[in-house]
Amino acid sequence: MSLRFPRLRRALLALALPLLATAPAHAAGTLTIGLIPAEDSQAMIESSKQVLDSLQRQLGMPVKPFVATDYNGVIEALRAKKLDAAYLGPFSYVLANSVANVEAFAVAVTKKTGQSSYKSLIIARKDSGIATPADLKGRNFAFVDPTSASGHLFPKAGLLQAGYDPDIFFGRVVFSGSHDASILAVANKKVDAASVADRILASAIAKGQVRQDDLRIVWSSNPIPESPMVWRKDLDPALKRKLAEALANIKDLPWGDQGVLNGLQPTDDAAYDIVRDTAKVLKLDLRSMK
């Protein structure tokens, strides 16, 4: 499957623009936050509810969540100023930074790992006969989303660097739409292998959705900077300060697929240069996607 981003961008825009009608419009006295679709929308809102409730109490204002059906829906809502802030994947942040007036300002530190980074994995069933990247030749494969860092861009770059071109290496390629869907597709033998985030796989195993003994890690990336919180650059400076302080105070609460938080520490745009370097490996020109 060939990935040509200008054409892909037009297709995604066509999908995303109808979503803007349902995105919560910015209203004075309300903070609107976009959430990436790591899980289905209702599950994502439920798993983030305690964090959003804490923000609402600390800020003294309503906080409204919005989950699009794909990453690009959140990006377009930011660009249209339908959202004030958002939780984005590393690559979707870099894309958002190139097309919308947004910047990263905070990144989660998880209680379990004490880290603000994670890894992309390629997984397969142990009974599939797949043990190394070379064994993926001709197999059916699931990526997550075209702009997912761990679910597409990093594993694709890793395979290219290892000498395997995913555009011609695999048999059938699909985009599942979420990490959970990719994990289940492998477990249920709908695809032979898939790329997913390590922490989401760990969560699926802990929830009993899949059995660790049934799966094998075929490939692992270097550490990827964790998904950032971003805000529109034109957001009120006083609100920015209060939001950053509130997020730093959030501890011992679950946050989506990241597990239990130990606060969100400051970050900046430069932390995501590794993502831009990966884009170069993939020969992606972010400027052409504007």
C-alpha atoms as a PDB file:
ATOM      1  CA  MET A   1       0.000   0.000   0.000  1.00  0.00           C
ATOM      2  CA  SER A   2       1.537   3.256  -1.057  1.00  0.00           C
ATOM      3  CA  LEU A   3       1.206   6.176   1.364  1.00  0.00           C
ATOM      4  CA  ARG A   4       1.148   9.486  -0.511  1.00  0.00           C
ATOM      5  CA  PHE A   5       0.306  12.116   2.030  1.00  0.00           C
ATOM      6  CA  PRO A   6      -1.058  14.982  -0.116  1.00  0.00           C
ATOM      7  CA  ARG A   7      -3.727  12.637  -1.499  1.00  0.00           C
ATOM      8  CA  LEU A   8      -4.217  11.031   1.918  1.00  0.00           C
ATOM      9  CA  ARG A   9      -4.609  14.435   3.504  1.00  0.00           C
ATOM     10  CA  ARG A  10      -7.413  15.362   1.115  1.00  0.00           C
ATOM     11  CA  ALA A  11      -9.192  12.111   1.934  1.00  0.00           C
ATOM     12  CA  LEU A  12      -8.811  12.617   5.663  1.00  0.00           C
ATOM     13  CA  LEU A  13     -10.001  16.205   5.430  1.00  0.00           C
ATOM     14  CA  ALA A  14     -13.127  15.009   3.674  1.00  0.00           C
ATOM     15  CA  LEU A  15     -13.734  12.630   6.570  1.00  0.00           C
ATOM     16  CA  ALA A  16     -12.829  15.120   9.269  1.00  0.00           C
ATOM     17  CA  LEU A  17     -14.752  18.204   8.216  1.00  0.00           C
ATOM     18  CA  PRO A  18     -18.221  16.759   8.991  1.00  0.00           C
ATOM     19  CA  LEU A  19     -16.949  16.014  12.485  1.00  0.00           C
ATOM     20  CA  LEU A  20     -16.401  19.696  13.159  1.00  0.00           C
ATOM     21  CA  ALA A  21     -20.136  20.243  13.255  1.00  0.00           C
ATOM     22  CA  THR A  22     -20.314  17.909  16.251  1.00  0.00           C
ATOM     23  CA  ALA A  23     -17.161  19.182  17.972  1.00  0.00           C
ATOM     24  CA  PRO A  24     -17.904  21.312  21.025  1.00  0.00           C
ATOM     25  CA  ALA A  25     -17.706  24.946  19.946  1.00  0.00           C
ATOM     26  CA  HIS A  26     -15.544  27.190  22.056  1.00  0.00           C
ATOM     27  CA  ALA A  27     -17.602  29.144  24.540  1.00  0.00           C
ATOM     28  CA  ALA A  28     -16.476  31.745  27.049  1.00  0.00           C
ATOM     29  CA  GLY A  29     -15.894  30.110  30.401  1.00  0.00           C
ATOM     30  CA  THR A  30     -15.617  26.563  28.981  1.00  0.00           C
ATOM     31  CA  LEU A  31     -12.408  24.660  28.222  1.00  0.00           C
ATOM     32  CA  THR A  32     -12.750  22.216  25.329  1.00  0.00           C
ATOM     33  CA  ILE A  33     -10.225  19.361  25.151  1.00  0.00           C
ATOM     34  CA  GLY A  34      -9.735  16.935  22.265  1.00  0.00           C
ATOM     35  CA  LEU A  35      -8.740  13.337  22.950  1.00  0.00           C
ATOM     36  CA  ILE A  36      -6.993  11.019  20.494  1.00  0.00           C
ATOM     37  CA  PRO A  37      -8.960   7.900  19.541  1.00  0.00           C
ATOM     38  CA  ALA A  38      -6.731   5.260  21.195  1.00  0.00           C
ATOM     39  CA  GLU A  39      -9.977   3.526  22.197  1.00  0.00           C
ATOM     40  CA  ASP A  40     -13.550   3.976  21.010  1.00  0.00           C
ATOM     41  CA  SER A  41     -14.885   7.441  21.828  1.00  0.00           C
ATOM     42  CA  GLN A  42     -17.049   6.512  24.810  1.00  0.00           C
ATOM     43  CA  ALA A  43     -14.303   4.374  26.376  1.00  0.00           C
ATOM     44  CA  MET A  44     -11.796   7.196  25.857  1.00  0.00           C
ATOM     45  CA  ILE A  45     -14.067   9.700  27.597  1.00  0.00           C
ATOM     46  CA  GLU A  46     -14.794   7.297  30.465  1.00  0.00           C
ATOM     47  CA  SER A  47     -11.109   6.446  30.988  1.00  0.00           C
ATOM     48  CA  SER A  48     -10.262  10.162  31.074  1.00  0.00           C
ATOM     49  CA  LYS A  49     -13.217  11.243  33.228  1.00  0.00           C
ATOM     50  CA  GLN A  50     -11.358  11.533  36.538  1.00  0.00           C
ATOM     51  CA  VAL A  51      -8.629  13.692  35.002  1.00  0.00           C
ATOM     52  CA  LEU A  52     -11.186  15.930  33.311  1.00  0.00           C
ATOM     53  CA  ASP A  53     -13.184  16.204  36.559  1.00  0.00           C
ATOM     54  CA  SER A  54     -10.004  17.176  38.436  1.00  0.00           C
ATOM     55  CA  LEU A  55      -9.230  19.828  35.822  1.00  0.00           C
ATOM     56  CA  GLN A  56     -12.753  21.189  36.124  1.00  0.00           C
ATOM     57  CA  ARG A  57     -12.453  21.504  39.908  1.00  0.00           C
ATOM     58  CA  GLN A  58      -9.013  23.115  39.787  1.00  0.00           C
ATOM     59  CA  LEU A  59      -9.843  25.541  36.981  1.00  0.00           C
ATOM     60  CA  GLY A  60     -13.269  26.401  38.345  1.00  0.00           C
ATOM     61  CA  MET A  61     -14.811  26.130  34.882  1.00  0.00           C
ATOM     62  CA  PRO A  62     -16.546  23.456  32.757  1.00  0.00           C
ATOM     63  CA  VAL A  63     -14.226  21.118  30.842  1.00  0.00           C
ATOM     64  CA  LYS A  64     -15.776  19.428  27.795  1.00  0.00           C
ATOM     65  CA  PRO A  65     -14.124  16.453  26.024  1.00  0.00           C
ATOM     66  CA  PHE A  66     -14.265  15.680  22.309  1.00  0.00           C
ATOM     67  CA  VAL A  67     -13.093  12.442  20.657  1.00  0.00           C
ATOM     68  CA  ALA A  68     -12.952  12.277  16.852  1.00  0.00           C
ATOM     69  CA  THR A  69     -13.034   9.059  14.862  1.00  0.00           C
ATOM     70  CA  ASP A  70      -9.404   9.598  13.848  1.00  0.00           C
ATOM     71  CA  TYR A  71      -6.415  11.771  14.717  1.00  0.00           C
ATOM     72  CA  ASN A  72      -7.083  14.161  11.878  1.00  0.00           C
ATOM     73  CA  GLY A  73     -10.506  15.009  13.285  1.00  0.00           C
ATOM     74  CA  VAL A  74      -8.871  16.396  16.433  1.00  0.00           C
ATOM     75  CA  ILE A  75      -6.272  18.291  14.381  1.00  0.00           C
ATOM     76  CA  GLU A  76      -8.909  19.913  12.210  1.00  0.00           C
ATOM     77  CA  ALA A  77     -10.987  20.845  15.256  1.00  0.00           C
ATOM     78  CA  LEU A  78      -7.907  22.576  16.702  1.00  0.00           C
ATOM     79  CA  ARG A  79      -7.257  24.405  13.466  1.00  0.00           C
ATOM     80  CA  ALA A  80     -10.876  25.556  13.321  1.00  0.00           C
ATOM     81  CA  LYS A  81     -10.593  26.760  16.950  1.00  0.00           C
ATOM     82  CA  LYS A  82     -13.302  24.348  18.036  1.00  0.00           C
ATOM     83  CA  LEU A  83     -10.887  23.096  20.710  1.00  0.00           C
ATOM     84  CA  ASP A  84      -8.724  24.967  23.214  1.00  0.00           C
ATOM     85  CA  ALA A  85      -6.356  22.097  24.016  1.00  0.00           C
ATOM     86  CA  ALA A  86      -5.878  18.476  23.028  1.00  0.00           C
ATOM     87  CA  TYR A  87      -4.111  15.263  23.896  1.00  0.00           C
ATOM     88  CA  LEU A  88      -2.332  14.167  20.705  1.00  0.00           C
ATOM     89  CA  GLY A  89      -0.001  11.409  19.601  1.00  0.00           C
ATOM     90  CA  PRO A  90       3.607  12.440  18.888  1.00  0.00           C
ATOM     91  CA  PHE A  91       3.263  12.448  15.101  1.00  0.00           C
ATOM     92  CA  SER A  92      -0.229  13.905  15.106  1.00  0.00           C
ATOM     93  CA  TYR A  93       1.205  16.715  17.253  1.00  0.00           C
ATOM     94  CA  VAL A  94       3.966  17.422  14.732  1.00  0.00           C
ATOM     95  CA  LEU A  95       1.348  17.470  11.990  1.00  0.00           C
ATOM     96  CA  ALA A  96      -0.913  19.743  14.055  1.00  0.00           C
ATOM     97  CA  ASN A  97       2.026  22.063  14.733  1.00  0.00           C
ATOM     98  CA  SER A  98       2.609  22.369  10.988  1.00  0.00           C
ATOM     99  CA  VAL A  99      -0.996  23.165  10.052  1.00  0.00           C
ATOM    100  CA  ALA A 100      -2.526  24.775  13.148  1.00  0.00           C
ATOM    101  CA  ASN A 101      -1.426  27.413  15.646  1.00  0.00           C
ATOM    102  CA  VAL A 102      -0.672  24.944  18.469  1.00  0.00           C
ATOM    103  CA  GLU A 103       2.272  23.943  20.640  1.00  0.00           C
ATOM    104  CA  ALA A 104       3.086  21.114  23.064  1.00  0.00           C
ATOM    105  CA  PHE A 105       3.316  22.189  26.691  1.00  0.00           C
ATOM    106  CA  ALA A 106       2.978  19.128  28.943  1.00  0.00           C
ATOM    107  CA  VAL A 107       3.639  15.391  28.830  1.00  0.00           C
ATOM    108  CA  ALA A 108       2.419  12.663  31.178  1.00  0.00           C
ATOM    109  CA  VAL A 109       4.650  10.772  33.569  1.00  0.00           C
ATOM    110  CA  THR A 110       3.091   7.447  34.512  1.00  0.00           C
ATOM    111  CA  LYS A 111       3.112   6.108  38.052  1.00  0.00           C
ATOM    112  CA  LYS A 112       4.166   2.640  36.894  1.00  0.00           C
ATOM    113  CA  THR A 113       7.148   3.543  34.715  1.00  0.00           C
ATOM    114  CA  GLY A 114       8.114   7.019  35.938  1.00  0.00           C
ATOM    115  CA  GLN A 115       8.846   7.797  32.278  1.00  0.00           C
ATOM    116  CA  SER A 116       7.519  10.191  29.679  1.00  0.00           C
ATOM    117  CA  SER A 117       8.302   7.915  26.728  1.00  0.00           C
ATOM    118  CA  TYR A 118       7.047   4.638  25.299  1.00  0.00           C
ATOM    119  CA  LYS A 119       7.787   2.213  22.460  1.00  0.00           C
ATOM    120  CA  SER A 120       6.181   0.934  19.298  1.00  0.00           C
ATOM    121  CA  LEU A 121       5.922  -2.827  18.986  1.00  0.00           C
ATOM    122  CA  ILE A 122       5.128  -5.195  16.162  1.00  0.00           C
ATOM    123  CA  ILE A 123       3.233  -8.159  17.558  1.00  0.00           C
ATOM    124  CA  ALA A 124       2.128 -11.502  16.141  1.00  0.00           C
ATOM    125  CA  ARG A 125       0.605 -14.668  17.532  1.00  0.00           C
ATOM    126  CA  LYS A 126       3.160 -17.230  18.666  1.00  0.00           C
ATOM    127  CA  ASP A 127       1.452 -19.871  16.532  1.00  0.00           C
ATOM    128  CA  SER A 128       1.790 -17.704  13.391  1.00  0.00           C
ATOM    129  CA  GLY A 129       5.358 -18.726  12.635  1.00  0.00           C
ATOM    130  CA  ILE A 130       6.405 -15.068  12.739  1.00  0.00           C
ATOM    131  CA  ALA A 131       9.465 -14.490  14.921  1.00  0.00           C
ATOM    132  CA  THR A 132      11.464 -11.779  13.112  1.00  0.00           C
ATOM    133  CA  PRO A 133      10.633  -8.859  10.804  1.00  0.00           C
ATOM    134  CA  ALA A 134      11.783 -10.972   7.839  1.00  0.00           C
ATOM    135  CA  ASP A 135       8.970 -13.420   8.594  1.00  0.00           C
ATOM    136  CA  LEU A 136       6.414 -10.680   7.900  1.00  0.00           C
ATOM    137  CA  LYS A 137       6.969 -10.933   4.147  1.00  0.00           C
ATOM    138  CA  GLY A 138       3.669 -11.454   2.341  1.00  0.00           C
ATOM    139  CA  ARG A 139       1.690 -11.439   5.590  1.00  0.00           C
ATOM    140  CA  ASN A 140      -1.452  -9.442   6.321  1.00  0.00           C
ATOM    141  CA  PHE A 141      -0.650  -6.471   8.558  1.00  0.00           C
ATOM    142  CA  ALA A 142      -2.567  -3.869  10.559  1.00  0.00           C
ATOM    143  CA  PHE A 143      -1.369  -0.337  11.180  1.00  0.00           C
ATOM    144  CA  VAL A 144      -3.470   1.884  13.474  1.00  0.00           C
ATOM    145  CA  ASP A 145      -3.917   5.245  11.768  1.00  0.00           C
ATOM    146  CA  PRO A 146      -1.900   7.032   9.063  1.00  0.00           C
ATOM    147  CA  THR A 147      -0.778   9.702  11.568  1.00  0.00           C
ATOM    148  CA  SER A 148      -0.221   7.375  14.549  1.00  0.00           C
ATOM    149  CA  ALA A 149       3.396   7.494  15.735  1.00  0.00           C
ATOM    150  CA  SER A 150       3.631   4.055  17.353  1.00  0.00           C
ATOM    151  CA  GLY A 151       0.853   2.542  15.265  1.00  0.00           C
ATOM    152  CA  HIS A 152       2.273   3.494  11.857  1.00  0.00           C
ATOM    153  CA  LEU A 153       5.097   5.987  11.353  1.00  0.00           C
ATOM    154  CA  PHE A 154       7.771   4.620  13.699  1.00  0.00           C
ATOM    155  CA  PRO A 155       7.298   0.953  12.765  1.00  0.00           C
ATOM    156  CA  LYS A 156       7.201   1.834   9.076  1.00  0.00           C
ATOM    157  CA  ALA A 157      10.450   3.801   9.412  1.00  0.00           C
ATOM    158  CA  GLY A 158      11.990   0.959  11.427  1.00  0.00           C
ATOM    159  CA  LEU A 159      11.130  -1.573   8.746  1.00  0.00           C
ATOM    160  CA  LEU A 160      12.501   0.699   6.015  1.00  0.00           C
ATOM    161  CA  GLN A 161      15.771   1.097   7.930  1.00  0.00           C
ATOM    162  CA  ALA A 162      15.968  -2.711   8.266  1.00  0.00           C
ATOM    163  CA  GLY A 163      15.623  -3.051   4.487  1.00  0.00           C
ATOM    164  CA  TYR A 164      11.923  -3.944   4.277  1.00  0.00           C
ATOM    165  CA  ASP A 165       9.631  -1.606   2.356  1.00  0.00           C
ATOM    166  CA  PRO A 166       6.120  -1.971   3.846  1.00  0.00           C
ATOM    167  CA  ASP A 167       4.560  -0.680   0.616  1.00  0.00           C
ATOM    168  CA  ILE A 168       5.611  -3.886  -1.170  1.00  0.00           C
ATOM    169  CA  PHE A 169       6.710  -6.184   1.679  1.00  0.00           C
ATOM    170  CA  PHE A 170       3.331  -7.091   3.184  1.00  0.00           C
ATOM    171  CA  GLY A 171       0.389  -8.891   1.657  1.00  0.00           C
ATOM    172  CA  ARG A 172      -2.767  -7.022   2.635  1.00  0.00           C
ATOM    173  CA  VAL A 173      -2.441  -3.849   4.765  1.00  0.00           C
ATOM    174  CA  VAL A 174      -5.288  -2.306   6.776  1.00  0.00           C
ATOM    175  CA  PHE A 175      -5.663   0.654   9.119  1.00  0.00           C
ATOM    176  CA  SER A 176      -7.642  -0.575  12.122  1.00  0.00           C
ATOM    177  CA  GLY A 177      -8.460   2.841  13.619  1.00  0.00           C
ATOM    178  CA  SER A 178      -7.249   2.081  17.158  1.00  0.00           C
ATOM    179  CA  HIS A 179      -4.521   0.192  19.001  1.00  0.00           C
ATOM    180  CA  ASP A 180      -7.109  -1.957  20.763  1.00  0.00           C
ATOM    181  CA  ALA A 181      -8.599  -2.967  17.418  1.00  0.00           C
ATOM    182  CA  SER A 182      -5.162  -3.931  16.085  1.00  0.00           C
ATOM    183  CA  ILE A 183      -4.364  -6.012  19.164  1.00  0.00           C
ATOM    184  CA  LEU A 184      -7.661  -7.888  18.901  1.00  0.00           C
ATOM    185  CA  ALA A 185      -7.207  -8.353  15.155  1.00  0.00           C
ATOM    186  CA  VAL A 186      -3.945 -10.211  15.847  1.00  0.00           C
ATOM    187  CA  ALA A 187      -5.394 -12.191  18.755  1.00  0.00           C
ATOM    188  CA  ASN A 188      -8.421 -13.228  16.683  1.00  0.00           C
ATOM    189  CA  LYS A 189      -6.330 -14.062  13.596  1.00  0.00           C
ATOM    190  CA  LYS A 190      -7.901 -11.347  11.455  1.00  0.00           C
ATOM    191  CA  VAL A 191      -4.376 -10.196  10.556  1.00  0.00           C
ATOM    192  CA  ASP A 192      -1.022 -11.877  10.984  1.00  0.00           C
ATOM    193  CA  ALA A 193       0.716  -8.992  12.738  1.00  0.00           C
ATOM    194  CA  ALA A 194       0.213  -5.394  13.810  1.00  0.00           C
ATOM    195  CA  SER A 195       2.052  -2.376  15.180  1.00  0.00           C
ATOM    196  CA  VAL A 196       0.881  -1.033  18.560  1.00  0.00           C
ATOM    197  CA  ALA A 197       2.036   1.039  21.533  1.00  0.00           C
ATOM    198  CA  ASP A 198       3.642  -1.024  24.294  1.00  0.00           C
ATOM    199  CA  ARG A 199       1.575   0.548  27.068  1.00  0.00           C
ATOM    200  CA  ILE A 200      -1.708  -0.129  25.270  1.00  0.00           C
ATOM    201  CA  LEU A 201      -0.712  -3.761  24.763  1.00  0.00           C
ATOM    202  CA  ALA A 202       0.167  -3.992  28.466  1.00  0.00           C
ATOM    203  CA  SER A 203      -3.231  -2.525  29.324  1.00  0.00           C
ATOM    204  CA  ALA A 204      -5.061  -5.009  27.081  1.00  0.00           C
ATOM    205  CA  ILE A 205      -3.209  -7.892  28.738  1.00  0.00           C
ATOM    206  CA  ALA A 206      -3.952  -6.543  32.232  1.00  0.00           C
ATOM    207  CA  LYS A 207      -7.657  -6.250  31.345  1.00  0.00           C
ATOM    208  CA  GLY A 208      -7.720  -9.848  30.133  1.00  0.00           C
ATOM    209  CA  GLN A 209      -8.573  -8.833  26.553  1.00  0.00           C
ATOM    210  CA  VAL A 210      -5.652 -10.894  25.240  1.00  0.00           C
ATOM    211  CA  ARG A 211      -3.251 -13.447  26.711  1.00  0.00           C
ATOM    212  CA  GLN A 212       0.418 -12.532  26.871  1.00  0.00           C
ATOM    213  CA  ASP A 213       1.378 -16.179  26.305  1.00  0.00           C
ATOM    214  CA  ASP A 214      -0.412 -16.123  22.934  1.00  0.00           C
ATOM    215  CA  LEU A 215       1.588 -13.205  21.543  1.00  0.00           C
ATOM    216  CA  ARG A 216       5.162 -12.537  20.487  1.00  0.00           C
ATOM    217  CA  ILE A 217       6.979  -9.208  20.104  1.00  0.00           C
ATOM    218  CA  VAL A 218       8.579  -9.263  16.666  1.00  0.00           C
ATOM    219  CA  TRP A 219      10.120  -5.779  16.690  1.00  0.00           C
ATOM    220  CA  SER A 220      10.514  -2.884  19.127  1.00  0.00           C
ATOM    221  CA  SER A 221      11.336   0.775  18.495  1.00  0.00           C
ATOM    222  CA  ASN A 222      13.634   3.104  20.366  1.00  0.00           C
ATOM    223  CA  PRO A 223      11.859   5.270  22.995  1.00  0.00           C
ATOM    224  CA  ILE A 224       9.281   7.664  21.555  1.00  0.00           C
ATOM    225  CA  PRO A 225       8.433  10.879  23.429  1.00  0.00           C
ATOM    226  CA  GLU A 226       5.088  10.454  25.134  1.00  0.00           C
ATOM    227  CA  SER A 227       1.882  11.870  23.696  1.00  0.00           C
ATOM    228  CA  PRO A 228       1.759  15.578  24.581  1.00  0.00           C
ATOM    229  CA  MET A 229      -0.932  17.912  25.771  1.00  0.00           C
ATOM    230  CA  VAL A 230      -1.098  20.856  23.385  1.00  0.00           C
ATOM    231  CA  TRP A 231      -2.869  24.185  23.448  1.00  0.00           C
ATOM    232  CA  ARG A 232      -3.674  26.826  20.915  1.00  0.00           C
ATOM    233  CA  LYS A 233      -0.969  29.464  21.027  1.00  0.00           C
ATOM    234  CA  ASP A 234      -3.603  32.196  21.154  1.00  0.00           C
ATOM    235  CA  LEU A 235      -5.218  30.792  24.313  1.00  0.00           C
ATOM    236  CA  ASP A 236      -5.424  33.326  27.145  1.00  0.00           C
ATOM    237  CA  PRO A 237      -2.033  33.395  28.964  1.00  0.00           C
ATOM    238  CA  ALA A 238      -3.689  33.306  32.390  1.00  0.00           C
ATOM    239  CA  LEU A 239      -5.681  30.217  31.387  1.00  0.00           C
ATOM    240  CA  LYS A 240      -2.521  28.599  30.010  1.00  0.00           C
ATOM    241  CA  ARG A 241      -0.763  29.112  33.338  1.00  0.00           C
ATOM    242  CA  LYS A 242      -3.695  27.693  35.315  1.00  0.00           C
ATOM    243  CA  LEU A 243      -4.033  24.707  32.980  1.00  0.00           C
ATOM    244  CA  ALA A 244      -0.328  23.802  33.183  1.00  0.00           C
ATOM    245  CA  GLU A 245      -0.419  24.044  36.978  1.00  0.00           C
ATOM    246  CA  ALA A 246      -3.585  21.959  37.192  1.00  0.00           C
ATOM    247  CA  LEU A 247      -2.150  19.184  35.022  1.00  0.00           C
ATOM    248  CA  ALA A 248       1.062  19.079  37.085  1.00  0.00           C
ATOM    249  CA  ASN A 249      -1.082  18.523  40.185  1.00  0.00           C
ATOM    250  CA  ILE A 250      -2.938  15.508  38.793  1.00  0.00           C
ATOM    251  CA  LYS A 251      -1.537  12.373  40.373  1.00  0.00           C
ATOM    252  CA  ASP A 252      -2.832   8.908  41.227  1.00  0.00           C
ATOM    253  CA  LEU A 253      -5.585   9.143  38.602  1.00  0.00           C
ATOM    254  CA  PRO A 254      -5.988   7.014  35.436  1.00  0.00           C
ATOM    255  CA  TRP A 255      -5.435   8.819  32.137  1.00  0.00           C
ATOM    256  CA  GLY A 256      -6.671   7.000  29.065  1.00  0.00           C
ATOM    257  CA  ASP A 257      -4.251   4.300  27.924  1.00  0.00           C
ATOM    258  CA  GLN A 258      -1.345   5.719  29.932  1.00  0.00           C
ATOM    259  CA  GLY A 259      -2.377   4.166  33.231  1.00  0.00           C
ATOM    260  CA  VAL A 260      -2.085   5.994  36.546  1.00  0.00           C
ATOM    261  CA  LEU A 261      -0.578   9.465  36.320  1.00  0.00           C
ATOM    262  CA  ASN A 262       2.209  10.944  38.371  1.00  0.00           C
ATOM    263  CA  GLY A 263       1.567  14.447  37.078  1.00  0.00           C
ATOM    264  CA  LEU A 264       2.225  16.037  33.701  1.00  0.00           C
ATOM    265  CA  GLN A 265       5.631  17.677  33.397  1.00  0.00           C
ATOM    266  CA  PRO A 266       6.513  20.586  31.096  1.00  0.00           C
ATOM    267  CA  THR A 267       7.642  19.831  27.550  1.00  0.00           C
ATOM    268  CA  ASP A 268       8.186  21.856  24.397  1.00  0.00           C
ATOM    269  CA  ASP A 269       8.152  21.574  20.642  1.00  0.00           C
ATOM    270  CA  ALA A 270      11.851  20.608  20.391  1.00  0.00           C
ATOM    271  CA  ALA A 271      11.189  17.353  22.265  1.00  0.00           C
ATOM    272  CA  TYR A 272       9.398  16.112  19.153  1.00  0.00           C
ATOM    273  CA  ASP A 273      12.256  16.665  16.708  1.00  0.00           C
ATOM    274  CA  ILE A 274      12.822  12.874  16.785  1.00  0.00           C
ATOM    275  CA  VAL A 275       9.386  12.555  15.233  1.00  0.00           C
ATOM    276  CA  ARG A 276      10.340  15.024  12.512  1.00  0.00           C
ATOM    277  CA  ASP A 277      13.519  12.983  11.900  1.00  0.00           C
ATOM    278  CA  THR A 278      11.361   9.881  11.474  1.00  0.00           C
ATOM    279  CA  ALA A 279       9.247  11.796   8.971  1.00  0.00           C
ATOM    280  CA  LYS A 280      12.441  12.429   6.999  1.00  0.00           C
ATOM    281  CA  VAL A 281      13.189   8.691   6.914  1.00  0.00           C
ATOM    282  CA  LEU A 282       9.715   8.247   5.459  1.00  0.00           C
ATOM    283  CA  LYS A 283      10.349  11.141   3.029  1.00  0.00           C
ATOM    284  CA  LEU A 284       7.319  13.036   4.288  1.00  0.00           C
ATOM    285  CA  ASP A 285       7.226  16.772   3.652  1.00  0.00           C
ATOM    286  CA  LEU A 286       4.991  18.195   6.366  1.00  0.00           C
ATOM    287  CA  ARG A 287       4.844  21.536   4.552  1.00  0.00           C
ATOM    288  CA  SER A 288       3.115  19.860   1.604  1.00  0.00           C
ATOM    289  CA  MET A 289       0.341  18.734   3.946  1.00  0.00           C
ATOM    290  CA  LYS A 290      -0.785  22.277   4.823  1.00  0.00           C
END
